[in-house]
Amino acid sequence: MAISKVYFQIICFIVFSLLYLIIINLYFMSRGTTVWVFAPGTLLVGLVGYWIAGYLYVRYFK
């Protein structure tokens, strides 16, 4: 059973957002900060992931 396009896009939105937050926070922690930060642009990165997932789904899964 194949995953639907909407579910694939939502999963990629969440994955891109979390990876962005983790990478940004690891960068800040390597610079000496101990506070977890909500990085600006997280929503934009998530939306880019959503768009890329839609493109990949149409291109390779259909």
C-alpha atoms as a PDB file:
ATOM      1  CA  MET A   1       0.000   0.000   0.000  1.00  0.00           C
ATOM      2  CA  ALA A   2       1.505   3.288  -1.108  1.00  0.00           C
ATOM      3  CA  ILE A   3       1.585   6.379   1.068  1.00  0.00           C
ATOM      4  CA  SER A   4      -0.568   9.259  -0.135  1.00  0.00           C
ATOM      5  CA  LYS A   5       0.965  12.501  -1.351  1.00  0.00           C
ATOM      6  CA  VAL A   6      -0.411  14.573   1.544  1.00  0.00           C
ATOM      7  CA  TYR A   7       1.000  12.257   4.208  1.00  0.00           C
ATOM      8  CA  PHE A   8       4.373  12.174   2.449  1.00  0.00           C
ATOM      9  CA  GLN A   9       4.446  15.978   2.330  1.00  0.00           C
ATOM     10  CA  ILE A  10       3.516  16.318   6.010  1.00  0.00           C
ATOM     11  CA  ILE A  11       6.189  13.821   7.039  1.00  0.00           C
ATOM     12  CA  CYS A  12       8.820  15.701   5.009  1.00  0.00           C
ATOM     13  CA  PHE A  13       7.644  19.029   6.481  1.00  0.00           C
ATOM     14  CA  ILE A  14       8.190  17.697   9.987  1.00  0.00           C
ATOM     15  CA  VAL A  15      11.523  16.054   9.129  1.00  0.00           C
ATOM     16  CA  PHE A  16      12.923  19.179   7.436  1.00  0.00           C
ATOM     17  CA  SER A  17      11.789  21.392  10.323  1.00  0.00           C
ATOM     18  CA  LEU A  18      13.264  19.143  12.997  1.00  0.00           C
ATOM     19  CA  LEU A  19      16.533  18.659  11.153  1.00  0.00           C
ATOM     20  CA  TYR A  20      16.867  22.411  10.709  1.00  0.00           C
ATOM     21  CA  LEU A  21      16.244  23.023  14.403  1.00  0.00           C
ATOM     22  CA  ILE A  22      18.696  20.324  15.434  1.00  0.00           C
ATOM     23  CA  ILE A  23      21.440  21.559  13.098  1.00  0.00           C
ATOM     24  CA  ILE A  24      21.025  25.202  14.133  1.00  0.00           C
ATOM     25  CA  ASN A  25      20.976  24.329  17.833  1.00  0.00           C
ATOM     26  CA  LEU A  26      24.029  22.084  17.520  1.00  0.00           C
ATOM     27  CA  TYR A  27      25.813  24.983  15.849  1.00  0.00           C
ATOM     28  CA  PHE A  28      24.884  27.353  18.676  1.00  0.00           C
ATOM     29  CA  MET A  29      25.835  24.779  21.313  1.00  0.00           C
ATOM     30  CA  SER A  30      29.234  24.354  19.680  1.00  0.00           C
ATOM     31  CA  ARG A  31      29.664  28.115  20.087  1.00  0.00           C
ATOM     32  CA  GLY A  32      29.040  27.892  23.838  1.00  0.00           C
ATOM     33  CA  THR A  33      25.304  28.537  24.215  1.00  0.00           C
ATOM     34  CA  THR A  34      23.428  26.144  26.500  1.00  0.00           C
ATOM     35  CA  VAL A  35      19.922  27.430  25.712  1.00  0.00           C
ATOM     36  CA  TRP A  36      17.755  25.647  23.145  1.00  0.00           C
ATOM     37  CA  VAL A  37      16.681  28.223  20.547  1.00  0.00           C
ATOM     38  CA  PHE A  38      13.794  28.397  18.149  1.00  0.00           C
ATOM     39  CA  ALA A  39      15.650  29.345  14.984  1.00  0.00           C
ATOM     40  CA  PRO A  40      14.132  31.955  12.679  1.00  0.00           C
ATOM     41  CA  GLY A  41      13.233  30.499   9.340  1.00  0.00           C
ATOM     42  CA  THR A  42      12.090  27.130  10.639  1.00  0.00           C
ATOM     43  CA  LEU A  43       8.676  27.480   9.051  1.00  0.00           C
ATOM     44  CA  LEU A  44      10.231  28.484   5.739  1.00  0.00           C
ATOM     45  CA  VAL A  45      12.557  25.484   5.765  1.00  0.00           C
ATOM     46  CA  GLY A  46       9.589  23.239   6.598  1.00  0.00           C
ATOM     47  CA  LEU A  47       7.601  24.680   3.710  1.00  0.00           C
ATOM     48  CA  VAL A  48      10.527  24.121   1.360  1.00  0.00           C
ATOM     49  CA  GLY A  49      10.586  20.502   2.538  1.00  0.00           C
ATOM     50  CA  TYR A  50       6.846  20.268   1.918  1.00  0.00           C
ATOM     51  CA  TRP A  51       7.279  21.603  -1.609  1.00  0.00           C
ATOM     52  CA  ILE A  52      10.239  19.314  -2.365  1.00  0.00           C
ATOM     53  CA  ALA A  53       8.255  16.319  -1.098  1.00  0.00           C
ATOM     54  CA  GLY A  54       5.357  17.171  -3.429  1.00  0.00           C
ATOM     55  CA  TYR A  55       7.723  17.490  -6.370  1.00  0.00           C
ATOM     56  CA  LEU A  56       9.501  14.216  -5.586  1.00  0.00           C
ATOM     57  CA  TYR A  57       6.222  12.379  -5.053  1.00  0.00           C
ATOM     58  CA  VAL A  58       4.834  13.461  -8.426  1.00  0.00           C
ATOM     59  CA  ARG A  59       8.141  12.834 -10.173  1.00  0.00           C
ATOM     60  CA  TYR A  60       9.052   9.405  -8.757  1.00  0.00           C
ATOM     61  CA  PHE A  61       6.037   7.806  -7.076  1.00  0.00           C
ATOM     62  CA  LYS A  62       3.337   8.401  -9.662  1.00  0.00           C
END
